[in-house]
Amino acid sequence: MSECDGAFKQALDRYEYPNRYPEIDPIENRKIASQFICRLEDRLNGNLYDHRPKLADMAILPFVRQFAHVDLDWFTAQPWDKTKFWPQQFKESERFSLIMGKYEKWENGNAPIYFPTEL
């Protein structure tokens, strides 16, 4: 879905960072980005292509999550049940917990942390 990397991402940036684009209406860009979310909603059936997440899911999920968190109350109020469930099921998965491990804030003098760590 190259549309995610084009029109959706452009609108997302203008919606999320209105201080970077003061001449552009962030709410108008939210409407543009919402068009992509509506198409996702129509397409989703657990994931984009079948019951198991694919590379496309992993590539698009972070942007949907980013869009949702600009105004989570607004996003939650939208009629996008499948699109709201999609990133949530991933965040609750074992895969997510493996790749999104939490680390203490590094401070000068602490032992270094090298990535990738063993999973």
PDB file of N, CA and C in Angstrom:
ATOM      1  N   MET A   1       0.837  -1.177   0.000  1.00  0.00           N
ATOM      2  CA  MET A   1       0.000   0.000   0.000  1.00  0.00           C
ATOM      3  C   MET A   1       0.883   1.243   0.000  1.00  0.00           C
ATOM      4  N   SER A   2       1.331   1.607  -1.172  1.00  0.00           N
ATOM      5  CA  SER A   2       2.210   2.771  -1.301  1.00  0.00           C
ATOM      6  C   SER A   2       1.525   4.060  -0.871  1.00  0.00           C
ATOM      7  N   GLU A   3       0.212   4.051  -0.836  1.00  0.00           N
ATOM      8  CA  GLU A   3      -0.542   5.218  -0.402  1.00  0.00           C
ATOM      9  C   GLU A   3      -0.158   5.635   1.018  1.00  0.00           C
ATOM     10  N   CYS A   4       0.189   4.671   1.845  1.00  0.00           N
ATOM     11  CA  CYS A   4       0.577   4.974   3.229  1.00  0.00           C
ATOM     12  C   CYS A   4       1.805   5.864   3.255  1.00  0.00           C
ATOM     13  N   ASP A   5       2.748   5.578   2.400  1.00  0.00           N
ATOM     14  CA  ASP A   5       4.005   6.322   2.386  1.00  0.00           C
ATOM     15  C   ASP A   5       3.881   7.643   1.646  1.00  0.00           C
ATOM     16  N   GLY A   6       2.759   7.862   0.979  1.00  0.00           N
ATOM     17  CA  GLY A   6       2.553   9.091   0.218  1.00  0.00           C
ATOM     18  C   GLY A   6       1.581  10.031   0.896  1.00  0.00           C
ATOM     19  N   ALA A   7       0.351  10.032   0.391  1.00  0.00           N
ATOM     20  CA  ALA A   7      -0.662  10.985   0.849  1.00  0.00           C
ATOM     21  C   ALA A   7      -0.955  10.858   2.343  1.00  0.00           C
ATOM     22  N   PHE A   8      -1.046   9.631   2.845  1.00  0.00           N
ATOM     23  CA  PHE A   8      -1.353   9.457   4.263  1.00  0.00           C
ATOM     24  C   PHE A   8      -0.235  10.010   5.144  1.00  0.00           C
ATOM     25  N   LYS A   9       1.001   9.640   4.871  1.00  0.00           N
ATOM     26  CA  LYS A   9       2.126  10.082   5.705  1.00  0.00           C
ATOM     27  C   LYS A   9       2.292  11.596   5.633  1.00  0.00           C
ATOM     28  N   GLN A  10       2.087  12.161   4.461  1.00  0.00           N
ATOM     29  CA  GLN A  10       2.189  13.617   4.319  1.00  0.00           C
ATOM     30  C   GLN A  10       1.114  14.304   5.165  1.00  0.00           C
ATOM     31  N   ALA A  11      -0.114  13.817   5.081  1.00  0.00           N
ATOM     32  CA  ALA A  11      -1.194  14.405   5.873  1.00  0.00           C
ATOM     33  C   ALA A  11      -0.953  14.176   7.369  1.00  0.00           C
ATOM     34  N   LEU A  12      -0.466  12.995   7.731  1.00  0.00           N
ATOM     35  CA  LEU A  12      -0.168  12.692   9.124  1.00  0.00           C
ATOM     36  C   LEU A  12       0.850  13.683   9.687  1.00  0.00           C
ATOM     37  N   ASP A  13       1.916  13.930   8.961  1.00  0.00           N
ATOM     38  CA  ASP A  13       2.934  14.878   9.433  1.00  0.00           C
ATOM     39  C   ASP A  13       2.351  16.268   9.637  1.00  0.00           C
ATOM     40  N   ARG A  14       1.502  16.709   8.714  1.00  0.00           N
ATOM     41  CA  ARG A  14       0.911  18.043   8.814  1.00  0.00           C
ATOM     42  C   ARG A  14      -0.127  18.126   9.931  1.00  0.00           C
ATOM     43  N   TYR A  15      -0.740  17.017  10.241  1.00  0.00           N
ATOM     44  CA  TYR A  15      -1.702  16.961  11.348  1.00  0.00           C
ATOM     45  C   TYR A  15      -0.968  16.878  12.686  1.00  0.00           C
ATOM     46  N   GLU A  16       0.037  16.036  12.764  1.00  0.00           N
ATOM     47  CA  GLU A  16       0.741  15.815  14.031  1.00  0.00           C
ATOM     48  C   GLU A  16       1.660  16.968  14.419  1.00  0.00           C
ATOM     49  N   TYR A  17       2.233  17.636  13.441  1.00  0.00           N
ATOM     50  CA  TYR A  17       3.209  18.694  13.715  1.00  0.00           C
ATOM     51  C   TYR A  17       2.760  20.023  13.106  1.00  0.00           C
ATOM     52  N   PRO A  18       1.653  20.593  13.585  1.00  0.00           N
ATOM     53  CA  PRO A  18       1.166  21.836  12.982  1.00  0.00           C
ATOM     54  C   PRO A  18       2.142  23.004  13.120  1.00  0.00           C
ATOM     55  N   ASN A  19       3.021  22.956  14.135  1.00  0.00           N
ATOM     56  CA  ASN A  19       4.013  24.027  14.284  1.00  0.00           C
ATOM     57  C   ASN A  19       5.032  24.026  13.142  1.00  0.00           C
ATOM     58  N   ARG A  20       5.221  22.882  12.499  1.00  0.00           N
ATOM     59  CA  ARG A  20       6.141  22.811  11.359  1.00  0.00           C
ATOM     60  C   ARG A  20       5.492  23.323  10.073  1.00  0.00           C
ATOM     61  N   TYR A  21       4.159  23.336  10.054  1.00  0.00           N
ATOM     62  CA  TYR A  21       3.405  23.720   8.857  1.00  0.00           C
ATOM     63  C   TYR A  21       2.331  24.740   9.258  1.00  0.00           C
ATOM     64  N   PRO A  22       2.749  25.912   9.718  1.00  0.00           N
ATOM     65  CA  PRO A  22       1.771  26.869  10.257  1.00  0.00           C
ATOM     66  C   PRO A  22       0.765  27.370   9.218  1.00  0.00           C
ATOM     67  N   GLU A  23       1.104  27.287   7.953  1.00  0.00           N
ATOM     68  CA  GLU A  23       0.213  27.774   6.901  1.00  0.00           C
ATOM     69  C   GLU A  23      -0.816  26.714   6.468  1.00  0.00           C
ATOM     70  N   ILE A  24      -0.744  25.524   7.050  1.00  0.00           N
ATOM     71  CA  ILE A  24      -1.611  24.420   6.647  1.00  0.00           C
ATOM     72  C   ILE A  24      -2.517  24.027   7.814  1.00  0.00           C
ATOM     73  N   ASP A  25      -3.790  23.802   7.509  1.00  0.00           N
ATOM     74  CA  ASP A  25      -4.784  23.454   8.528  1.00  0.00           C
ATOM     75  C   ASP A  25      -4.613  21.994   8.954  1.00  0.00           C
ATOM     76  N   PRO A  26      -4.262  21.742  10.225  1.00  0.00           N
ATOM     77  CA  PRO A  26      -4.059  20.360  10.669  1.00  0.00           C
ATOM     78  C   PRO A  26      -5.342  19.525  10.611  1.00  0.00           C
ATOM     79  N   ILE A  27      -6.491  20.142  10.857  1.00  0.00           N
ATOM     80  CA  ILE A  27      -7.750  19.389  10.830  1.00  0.00           C
ATOM     81  C   ILE A  27      -8.089  18.969   9.400  1.00  0.00           C
ATOM     82  N   GLU A  28      -7.788  19.791   8.452  1.00  0.00           N
ATOM     83  CA  GLU A  28      -7.993  19.400   7.048  1.00  0.00           C
ATOM     84  C   GLU A  28      -7.102  18.204   6.706  1.00  0.00           C
ATOM     85  N   ASN A  29      -5.889  18.202   7.226  1.00  0.00           N
ATOM     86  CA  ASN A  29      -4.995  17.067   6.987  1.00  0.00           C
ATOM     87  C   ASN A  29      -5.439  15.831   7.745  1.00  0.00           C
ATOM     88  N   ARG A  30      -6.070  15.991   8.907  1.00  0.00           N
ATOM     89  CA  ARG A  30      -6.651  14.855   9.604  1.00  0.00           C
ATOM     90  C   ARG A  30      -7.742  14.224   8.746  1.00  0.00           C
ATOM     91  N   LYS A  31      -8.531  15.050   8.072  1.00  0.00           N
ATOM     92  CA  LYS A  31      -9.570  14.533   7.173  1.00  0.00           C
ATOM     93  C   LYS A  31      -8.951  13.749   6.020  1.00  0.00           C
ATOM     94  N   ILE A  32      -7.870  14.255   5.464  1.00  0.00           N
ATOM     95  CA  ILE A  32      -7.182  13.560   4.372  1.00  0.00           C
ATOM     96  C   ILE A  32      -6.639  12.227   4.858  1.00  0.00           C
ATOM     97  N   ALA A  33      -5.978  12.230   6.002  1.00  0.00           N
ATOM     98  CA  ALA A  33      -5.434  10.990   6.568  1.00  0.00           C
ATOM     99  C   ALA A  33      -6.553  10.010   6.900  1.00  0.00           C
ATOM    100  N   SER A  34      -7.695  10.519   7.327  1.00  0.00           N
ATOM    101  CA  SER A  34      -8.831   9.665   7.673  1.00  0.00           C
ATOM    102  C   SER A  34      -9.349   8.882   6.473  1.00  0.00           C
ATOM    103  N   GLN A  35      -9.192   9.424   5.296  1.00  0.00           N
ATOM    104  CA  GLN A  35      -9.616   8.702   4.089  1.00  0.00           C
ATOM    105  C   GLN A  35      -8.836   7.396   3.955  1.00  0.00           C
ATOM    106  N   PHE A  36      -7.560   7.437   4.254  1.00  0.00           N
ATOM    107  CA  PHE A  36      -6.735   6.227   4.224  1.00  0.00           C
ATOM    108  C   PHE A  36      -7.195   5.247   5.301  1.00  0.00           C
ATOM    109  N   ILE A  37      -7.479   5.764   6.490  1.00  0.00           N
ATOM    110  CA  ILE A  37      -7.946   4.909   7.582  1.00  0.00           C
ATOM    111  C   ILE A  37      -9.270   4.234   7.193  1.00  0.00           C
ATOM    112  N   CYS A  38     -10.142   4.959   6.534  1.00  0.00           N
ATOM    113  CA  CYS A  38     -11.411   4.361   6.080  1.00  0.00           C
ATOM    114  C   CYS A  38     -11.160   3.213   5.102  1.00  0.00           C
ATOM    115  N   ARG A  39     -10.205   3.380   4.220  1.00  0.00           N
ATOM    116  CA  ARG A  39      -9.875   2.293   3.278  1.00  0.00           C
ATOM    117  C   ARG A  39      -9.266   1.104   4.021  1.00  0.00           C
ATOM    118  N   LEU A  40      -8.450   1.375   5.035  1.00  0.00           N
ATOM    119  CA  LEU A  40      -7.923   0.286   5.872  1.00  0.00           C
ATOM    120  C   LEU A  40      -9.057  -0.453   6.560  1.00  0.00           C
ATOM    121  N   GLU A  41      -9.977   0.302   7.107  1.00  0.00           N
ATOM    122  CA  GLU A  41     -11.112  -0.287   7.817  1.00  0.00           C
ATOM    123  C   GLU A  41     -11.874  -1.255   6.913  1.00  0.00           C
ATOM    124  N   ASP A  42     -12.053  -0.866   5.658  1.00  0.00           N
ATOM    125  CA  ASP A  42     -12.756  -1.726   4.702  1.00  0.00           C
ATOM    126  C   ASP A  42     -11.960  -2.982   4.366  1.00  0.00           C
ATOM    127  N   ARG A  43     -10.647  -2.868   4.421  1.00  0.00           N
ATOM    128  CA  ARG A  43      -9.769  -3.975   4.009  1.00  0.00           C
ATOM    129  C   ARG A  43      -9.439  -4.955   5.129  1.00  0.00           C
ATOM    130  N   LEU A  44      -9.364  -4.467   6.342  1.00  0.00           N
ATOM    131  CA  LEU A  44      -8.890  -5.295   7.454  1.00  0.00           C
ATOM    132  C   LEU A  44      -9.843  -6.442   7.768  1.00  0.00           C
ATOM    133  N   ASN A  45      -9.230  -7.587   7.959  1.00  0.00           N
ATOM    134  CA  ASN A  45      -9.941  -8.769   8.437  1.00  0.00           C
ATOM    135  C   ASN A  45      -8.985  -9.476   9.388  1.00  0.00           C
ATOM    136  N   GLY A  46      -8.770  -8.859  10.545  1.00  0.00           N
ATOM    137  CA  GLY A  46      -7.746  -9.338  11.467  1.00  0.00           C
ATOM    138  C   GLY A  46      -6.422  -8.664  11.167  1.00  0.00           C
ATOM    139  N   ASN A  47      -5.940  -8.837   9.941  1.00  0.00           N
ATOM    140  CA  ASN A  47      -4.742  -8.177   9.421  1.00  0.00           C
ATOM    141  C   ASN A  47      -5.041  -7.750   7.990  1.00  0.00           C
ATOM    142  N   LEU A  48      -4.054  -7.225   7.303  1.00  0.00           N
ATOM    143  CA  LEU A  48      -4.313  -6.738   5.953  1.00  0.00           C
ATOM    144  C   LEU A  48      -4.583  -7.860   4.950  1.00  0.00           C
ATOM    145  N   TYR A  49      -3.886  -8.979   5.076  1.00  0.00           N
ATOM    146  CA  TYR A  49      -3.989 -10.001   4.036  1.00  0.00           C
ATOM    147  C   TYR A  49      -4.567 -11.331   4.501  1.00  0.00           C
ATOM    148  N   ASP A  50      -4.386 -11.687   5.738  1.00  0.00           N
ATOM    149  CA  ASP A  50      -4.996 -12.904   6.273  1.00  0.00           C
ATOM    150  C   ASP A  50      -4.883 -12.890   7.791  1.00  0.00           C
ATOM    151  N   HIS A  51      -5.026 -14.014   8.421  1.00  0.00           N
ATOM    152  CA  HIS A  51      -5.039 -14.049   9.890  1.00  0.00           C
ATOM    153  C   HIS A  51      -3.677 -13.804  10.524  1.00  0.00           C
ATOM    154  N   ARG A  52      -2.595 -13.978   9.757  1.00  0.00           N
ATOM    155  CA  ARG A  52      -1.250 -13.748  10.305  1.00  0.00           C
ATOM    156  C   ARG A  52      -0.694 -12.432   9.790  1.00  0.00           C
ATOM    157  N   PRO A  53      -0.059 -11.630  10.651  1.00  0.00           N
ATOM    158  CA  PRO A  53       0.515 -10.366  10.190  1.00  0.00           C
ATOM    159  C   PRO A  53       1.635 -10.596   9.179  1.00  0.00           C
ATOM    160  N   LYS A  54       1.686  -9.740   8.207  1.00  0.00           N
ATOM    161  CA  LYS A  54       2.709  -9.777   7.157  1.00  0.00           C
ATOM    162  C   LYS A  54       3.557  -8.507   7.250  1.00  0.00           C
ATOM    163  N   LEU A  55       4.525  -8.406   6.367  1.00  0.00           N
ATOM    164  CA  LEU A  55       5.410  -7.239   6.340  1.00  0.00           C
ATOM    165  C   LEU A  55       4.604  -5.945   6.173  1.00  0.00           C
ATOM    166  N   ALA A  56       3.572  -5.959   5.349  1.00  0.00           N
ATOM    167  CA  ALA A  56       2.751  -4.759   5.161  1.00  0.00           C
ATOM    168  C   ALA A  56       2.115  -4.317   6.473  1.00  0.00           C
ATOM    169  N   ASP A  57       1.641  -5.269   7.263  1.00  0.00           N
ATOM    170  CA  ASP A  57       1.068  -4.925   8.563  1.00  0.00           C
ATOM    171  C   ASP A  57       2.109  -4.242   9.437  1.00  0.00           C
ATOM    172  N   MET A  58       3.287  -4.810   9.498  1.00  0.00           N
ATOM    173  CA  MET A  58       4.345  -4.267  10.353  1.00  0.00           C
ATOM    174  C   MET A  58       4.810  -2.891   9.865  1.00  0.00           C
ATOM    175  N   ALA A  59       4.717  -2.655   8.559  1.00  0.00           N
ATOM    176  CA  ALA A  59       5.147  -1.371   8.007  1.00  0.00           C
ATOM    177  C   ALA A  59       4.121  -0.271   8.248  1.00  0.00           C
ATOM    178  N   ILE A  60       2.840  -0.614   8.215  1.00  0.00           N
ATOM    179  CA  ILE A  60       1.783   0.385   8.309  1.00  0.00           C
ATOM    180  C   ILE A  60       1.305   0.616   9.737  1.00  0.00           C
ATOM    181  N   LEU A  61       1.328  -0.423  10.557  1.00  0.00           N
ATOM    182  CA  LEU A  61       0.850  -0.307  11.948  1.00  0.00           C
ATOM    183  C   LEU A  61       1.432   0.895  12.712  1.00  0.00           C
ATOM    184  N   PRO A  62       2.727   1.128  12.658  1.00  0.00           N
ATOM    185  CA  PRO A  62       3.266   2.254  13.445  1.00  0.00           C
ATOM    186  C   PRO A  62       2.690   3.601  13.030  1.00  0.00           C
ATOM    187  N   PHE A  63       2.396   3.766  11.749  1.00  0.00           N
ATOM    188  CA  PHE A  63       1.833   5.031  11.288  1.00  0.00           C
ATOM    189  C   PHE A  63       0.385   5.195  11.745  1.00  0.00           C
ATOM    190  N   VAL A  64      -0.358   4.100  11.758  1.00  0.00           N
ATOM    191  CA  VAL A  64      -1.734   4.150  12.258  1.00  0.00           C
ATOM    192  C   VAL A  64      -1.719   4.472  13.747  1.00  0.00           C
ATOM    193  N   ARG A  65      -0.824   3.844  14.470  1.00  0.00           N
ATOM    194  CA  ARG A  65      -0.691   4.122  15.910  1.00  0.00           C
ATOM    195  C   ARG A  65      -0.303   5.585  16.131  1.00  0.00           C
ATOM    196  N   GLN A  66       0.614   6.096  15.332  1.00  0.00           N
ATOM    197  CA  GLN A  66       1.042   7.491  15.421  1.00  0.00           C
ATOM    198  C   GLN A  66      -0.145   8.421  15.158  1.00  0.00           C
ATOM    199  N   PHE A  67      -0.929   8.115  14.129  1.00  0.00           N
ATOM    200  CA  PHE A  67      -2.108   8.913  13.804  1.00  0.00           C
ATOM    201  C   PHE A  67      -3.097   8.905  14.966  1.00  0.00           C
ATOM    202  N   ALA A  68      -3.328   7.734  15.521  1.00  0.00           N
ATOM    203  CA  ALA A  68      -4.276   7.599  16.629  1.00  0.00           C
ATOM    204  C   ALA A  68      -3.858   8.439  17.828  1.00  0.00           C
ATOM    205  N   HIS A  69      -2.574   8.486  18.117  1.00  0.00           N
ATOM    206  CA  HIS A  69      -2.095   9.137  19.329  1.00  0.00           C
ATOM    207  C   HIS A  69      -1.966  10.649  19.221  1.00  0.00           C
ATOM    208  N   VAL A  70      -2.198  11.208  18.046  1.00  0.00           N
ATOM    209  CA  VAL A  70      -2.214  12.674  17.953  1.00  0.00           C
ATOM    210  C   VAL A  70      -3.372  13.216  18.791  1.00  0.00           C
ATOM    211  N   ASP A  71      -4.538  12.579  18.653  1.00  0.00           N
ATOM    212  CA  ASP A  71      -5.711  12.939  19.460  1.00  0.00           C
ATOM    213  C   ASP A  71      -6.468  11.639  19.721  1.00  0.00           C
ATOM    214  N   LEU A  72      -6.031  10.926  20.735  1.00  0.00           N
ATOM    215  CA  LEU A  72      -6.559   9.595  21.013  1.00  0.00           C
ATOM    216  C   LEU A  72      -8.057   9.617  21.316  1.00  0.00           C
ATOM    217  N   ASP A  73      -8.528  10.637  21.997  1.00  0.00           N
ATOM    218  CA  ASP A  73      -9.967  10.716  22.274  1.00  0.00           C
ATOM    219  C   ASP A  73     -10.761  10.813  20.969  1.00  0.00           C
ATOM    220  N   TRP A  74     -10.307  11.659  20.059  1.00  0.00           N
ATOM    221  CA  TRP A  74     -10.980  11.792  18.765  1.00  0.00           C
ATOM    222  C   TRP A  74     -10.933  10.468  18.007  1.00  0.00           C
ATOM    223  N   PHE A  75      -9.759   9.866  17.943  1.00  0.00           N
ATOM    224  CA  PHE A  75      -9.597   8.613  17.200  1.00  0.00           C
ATOM    225  C   PHE A  75     -10.498   7.522  17.776  1.00  0.00           C
ATOM    226  N   THR A  76     -10.534   7.414  19.088  1.00  0.00           N
ATOM    227  CA  THR A  76     -11.339   6.392  19.749  1.00  0.00           C
ATOM    228  C   THR A  76     -12.828   6.579  19.458  1.00  0.00           C
ATOM    229  N   ALA A  77     -13.252   7.802  19.246  1.00  0.00           N
ATOM    230  CA  ALA A  77     -14.663   8.090  18.969  1.00  0.00           C
ATOM    231  C   ALA A  77     -15.078   7.761  17.532  1.00  0.00           C
ATOM    232  N   GLN A  78     -14.113   7.443  16.668  1.00  0.00           N
ATOM    233  CA  GLN A  78     -14.432   7.167  15.262  1.00  0.00           C
ATOM    234  C   GLN A  78     -14.974   5.742  15.109  1.00  0.00           C
ATOM    235  N   PRO A  79     -15.735   5.491  14.044  1.00  0.00           N
ATOM    236  CA  PRO A  79     -16.354   4.168  13.834  1.00  0.00           C
ATOM    237  C   PRO A  79     -15.426   3.171  13.141  1.00  0.00           C
ATOM    238  N   TRP A  80     -14.187   3.134  13.555  1.00  0.00           N
ATOM    239  CA  TRP A  80     -13.187   2.282  12.909  1.00  0.00           C
ATOM    240  C   TRP A  80     -12.812   1.133  13.829  1.00  0.00           C
ATOM    241  N   ASP A  81     -13.753   0.274  14.126  1.00  0.00           N
ATOM    242  CA  ASP A  81     -13.515  -0.795  15.095  1.00  0.00           C
ATOM    243  C   ASP A  81     -12.365  -1.710  14.705  1.00  0.00           C
ATOM    244  N   LYS A  82     -12.296  -2.110  13.438  1.00  0.00           N
ATOM    245  CA  LYS A  82     -11.217  -3.017  13.016  1.00  0.00           C
ATOM    246  C   LYS A  82      -9.870  -2.305  13.038  1.00  0.00           C
ATOM    247  N   THR A  83      -9.860  -1.050  12.648  1.00  0.00           N
ATOM    248  CA  THR A  83      -8.606  -0.298  12.621  1.00  0.00           C
ATOM    249  C   THR A  83      -8.118   0.007  14.034  1.00  0.00           C
ATOM    250  N   LYS A  84      -9.009   0.162  14.979  1.00  0.00           N
ATOM    251  CA  LYS A  84      -8.610   0.373  16.372  1.00  0.00           C
ATOM    252  C   LYS A  84      -8.122  -0.932  17.006  1.00  0.00           C
ATOM    253  N   PHE A  85      -8.741  -2.049  16.631  1.00  0.00           N
ATOM    254  CA  PHE A  85      -8.361  -3.350  17.179  1.00  0.00           C
ATOM    255  C   PHE A  85      -7.025  -3.838  16.618  1.00  0.00           C
ATOM    256  N   TRP A  86      -6.754  -3.530  15.374  1.00  0.00           N
ATOM    257  CA  TRP A  86      -5.571  -4.011  14.660  1.00  0.00           C
ATOM    258  C   TRP A  86      -4.271  -3.701  15.403  1.00  0.00           C
ATOM    259  N   PRO A  87      -3.953  -2.441  15.709  1.00  0.00           N
ATOM    260  CA  PRO A  87      -2.699  -2.192  16.452  1.00  0.00           C
ATOM    261  C   PRO A  87      -2.770  -2.679  17.894  1.00  0.00           C
ATOM    262  N   GLN A  88      -3.968  -2.682  18.473  1.00  0.00           N
ATOM    263  CA  GLN A  88      -4.105  -3.130  19.855  1.00  0.00           C
ATOM    264  C   GLN A  88      -3.742  -4.608  19.987  1.00  0.00           C
ATOM    265  N   GLN A  89      -4.212  -5.426  19.038  1.00  0.00           N
ATOM    266  CA  GLN A  89      -3.888  -6.854  19.118  1.00  0.00           C
ATOM    267  C   GLN A  89      -2.390  -7.076  18.946  1.00  0.00           C
ATOM    268  N   PHE A  90      -1.734  -6.251  18.137  1.00  0.00           N
ATOM    269  CA  PHE A  90      -0.292  -6.377  17.985  1.00  0.00           C
ATOM    270  C   PHE A  90       0.419  -5.947  19.270  1.00  0.00           C
ATOM    271  N   LYS A  91      -0.015  -4.854  19.896  1.00  0.00           N
ATOM    272  CA  LYS A  91       0.620  -4.380  21.130  1.00  0.00           C
ATOM    273  C   LYS A  91       0.496  -5.395  22.256  1.00  0.00           C
ATOM    274  N   GLU A  92      -0.510  -6.230  22.199  1.00  0.00           N
ATOM    275  CA  GLU A  92      -0.712  -7.248  23.231  1.00  0.00           C
ATOM    276  C   GLU A  92      -0.058  -8.584  22.881  1.00  0.00           C
ATOM    277  N   SER A  93       0.612  -8.639  21.742  1.00  0.00           N
ATOM    278  CA  SER A  93       1.201  -9.895  21.287  1.00  0.00           C
ATOM    279  C   SER A  93       2.579 -10.142  21.902  1.00  0.00           C
ATOM    280  N   GLU A  94       2.985 -11.388  21.875  1.00  0.00           N
ATOM    281  CA  GLU A  94       4.314 -11.759  22.357  1.00  0.00           C
ATOM    282  C   GLU A  94       5.392 -11.117  21.491  1.00  0.00           C
ATOM    283  N   ARG A  95       5.143 -11.049  20.196  1.00  0.00           N
ATOM    284  CA  ARG A  95       6.113 -10.446  19.267  1.00  0.00           C
ATOM    285  C   ARG A  95       6.405  -9.005  19.663  1.00  0.00           C
ATOM    286  N   PHE A  96       5.365  -8.246  19.968  1.00  0.00           N
ATOM    287  CA  PHE A  96       5.549  -6.852  20.363  1.00  0.00           C
ATOM    288  C   PHE A  96       6.389  -6.750  21.630  1.00  0.00           C
ATOM    289  N   SER A  97       6.079  -7.580  22.613  1.00  0.00           N
ATOM    290  CA  SER A  97       6.838  -7.518  23.861  1.00  0.00           C
ATOM    291  C   SER A  97       8.301  -7.897  23.650  1.00  0.00           C
ATOM    292  N   LEU A  98       8.571  -8.761  22.676  1.00  0.00           N
ATOM    293  CA  LEU A  98       9.956  -9.136  22.386  1.00  0.00           C
ATOM    294  C   LEU A  98      10.733  -8.010  21.719  1.00  0.00           C
ATOM    295  N   ILE A  99      10.072  -7.296  20.809  1.00  0.00           N
ATOM    296  CA  ILE A  99      10.802  -6.268  20.057  1.00  0.00           C
ATOM    297  C   ILE A  99      10.751  -4.899  20.714  1.00  0.00           C
ATOM    298  N   MET A 100       9.837  -4.710  21.652  1.00  0.00           N
ATOM    299  CA  MET A 100       9.689  -3.402  22.289  1.00  0.00           C
ATOM    300  C   MET A 100      10.058  -3.462  23.771  1.00  0.00           C
ATOM    301  N   GLY A 101      11.140  -4.155  24.052  1.00  0.00           N
ATOM    302  CA  GLY A 101      11.597  -4.252  25.428  1.00  0.00           C
ATOM    303  C   GLY A 101      11.891  -2.892  26.018  1.00  0.00           C
ATOM    304  N   LYS A 102      11.707  -2.784  27.299  1.00  0.00           N
ATOM    305  CA  LYS A 102      11.967  -1.527  28.001  1.00  0.00           C
ATOM    306  C   LYS A 102      13.369  -1.552  28.588  1.00  0.00           C
ATOM    307  N   TYR A 103      14.039  -0.447  28.501  1.00  0.00           N
ATOM    308  CA  TYR A 103      15.384  -0.307  29.036  1.00  0.00           C
ATOM    309  C   TYR A 103      15.426   0.905  29.943  1.00  0.00           C
ATOM    310  N   GLU A 104      16.240   0.825  30.971  1.00  0.00           N
ATOM    311  CA  GLU A 104      16.426   1.980  31.832  1.00  0.00           C
ATOM    312  C   GLU A 104      17.121   3.080  31.042  1.00  0.00           C
ATOM    313  N   LYS A 105      16.817   4.306  31.413  1.00  0.00           N
ATOM    314  CA  LYS A 105      17.459   5.444  30.781  1.00  0.00           C
ATOM    315  C   LYS A 105      18.965   5.339  31.012  1.00  0.00           C
ATOM    316  N   TRP A 106      19.726   5.421  29.941  1.00  0.00           N
ATOM    317  CA  TRP A 106      21.168   5.352  30.057  1.00  0.00           C
ATOM    318  C   TRP A 106      21.693   6.688  30.549  1.00  0.00           C
ATOM    319  N   GLU A 107      22.617   6.625  31.480  1.00  0.00           N
ATOM    320  CA  GLU A 107      23.276   7.820  31.987  1.00  0.00           C
ATOM    321  C   GLU A 107      24.774   7.604  31.931  1.00  0.00           C
ATOM    322  N   ASN A 108      25.508   8.690  31.860  1.00  0.00           N
ATOM    323  CA  ASN A 108      26.958   8.634  31.791  1.00  0.00           C
ATOM    324  C   ASN A 108      27.490   7.795  32.950  1.00  0.00           C
ATOM    325  N   GLY A 109      28.342   6.839  32.637  1.00  0.00           N
ATOM    326  CA  GLY A 109      28.918   5.963  33.647  1.00  0.00           C
ATOM    327  C   GLY A 109      28.257   4.594  33.694  1.00  0.00           C
ATOM    328  N   ASN A 110      27.061   4.473  33.138  1.00  0.00           N
ATOM    329  CA  ASN A 110      26.388   3.168  33.084  1.00  0.00           C
ATOM    330  C   ASN A 110      27.061   2.278  32.052  1.00  0.00           C
ATOM    331  N   ALA A 111      26.896   0.987  32.238  1.00  0.00           N
ATOM    332  CA  ALA A 111      27.395   0.045  31.230  1.00  0.00           C
ATOM    333  C   ALA A 111      26.630   0.258  29.925  1.00  0.00           C
ATOM    334  N   PRO A 112      27.306   0.143  28.792  1.00  0.00           N
ATOM    335  CA  PRO A 112      26.618   0.332  27.510  1.00  0.00           C
ATOM    336  C   PRO A 112      25.633  -0.804  27.225  1.00  0.00           C
ATOM    337  N   ILE A 113      24.626  -0.497  26.433  1.00  0.00           N
ATOM    338  CA  ILE A 113      23.675  -1.494  25.939  1.00  0.00           C
ATOM    339  C   ILE A 113      23.901  -1.595  24.444  1.00  0.00           C
ATOM    340  N   TYR A 114      24.169  -2.786  23.982  1.00  0.00           N
ATOM    341  CA  TYR A 114      24.399  -3.003  22.562  1.00  0.00           C
ATOM    342  C   TYR A 114      23.164  -3.627  21.924  1.00  0.00           C
ATOM    343  N   PHE A 115      22.824  -3.156  20.744  1.00  0.00           N
ATOM    344  CA  PHE A 115      21.674  -3.684  20.016  1.00  0.00           C
ATOM    345  C   PHE A 115      22.174  -4.398  18.780  1.00  0.00           C
ATOM    346  N   PRO A 116      21.550  -5.441  18.352  1.00  0.00           N
ATOM    347  CA  PRO A 116      20.391  -6.044  19.002  1.00  0.00           C
ATOM    348  C   PRO A 116      20.803  -6.875  20.204  1.00  0.00           C
ATOM    349  N   THR A 117      19.925  -6.908  21.176  1.00  0.00           N
ATOM    350  CA  THR A 117      20.149  -7.760  22.332  1.00  0.00           C
ATOM    351  C   THR A 117      19.597  -9.134  21.977  1.00  0.00           C
ATOM    352  N   GLU A 118      19.950 -10.149  22.732  1.00  0.00           N
ATOM    353  CA  GLU A 118      19.433 -11.484  22.455  1.00  0.00           C
ATOM    354  C   GLU A 118      17.963 -11.534  22.797  1.00  0.00           C
ATOM    355  N   LEU A 119      17.192 -12.195  21.947  1.00  0.00           N
ATOM    356  CA  LEU A 119      15.748 -12.329  22.183  1.00  0.00           C
ATOM    357  C   LEU A 119      15.455 -13.698  22.727  1.00  0.00           C
TER     358      LEU A 119
END
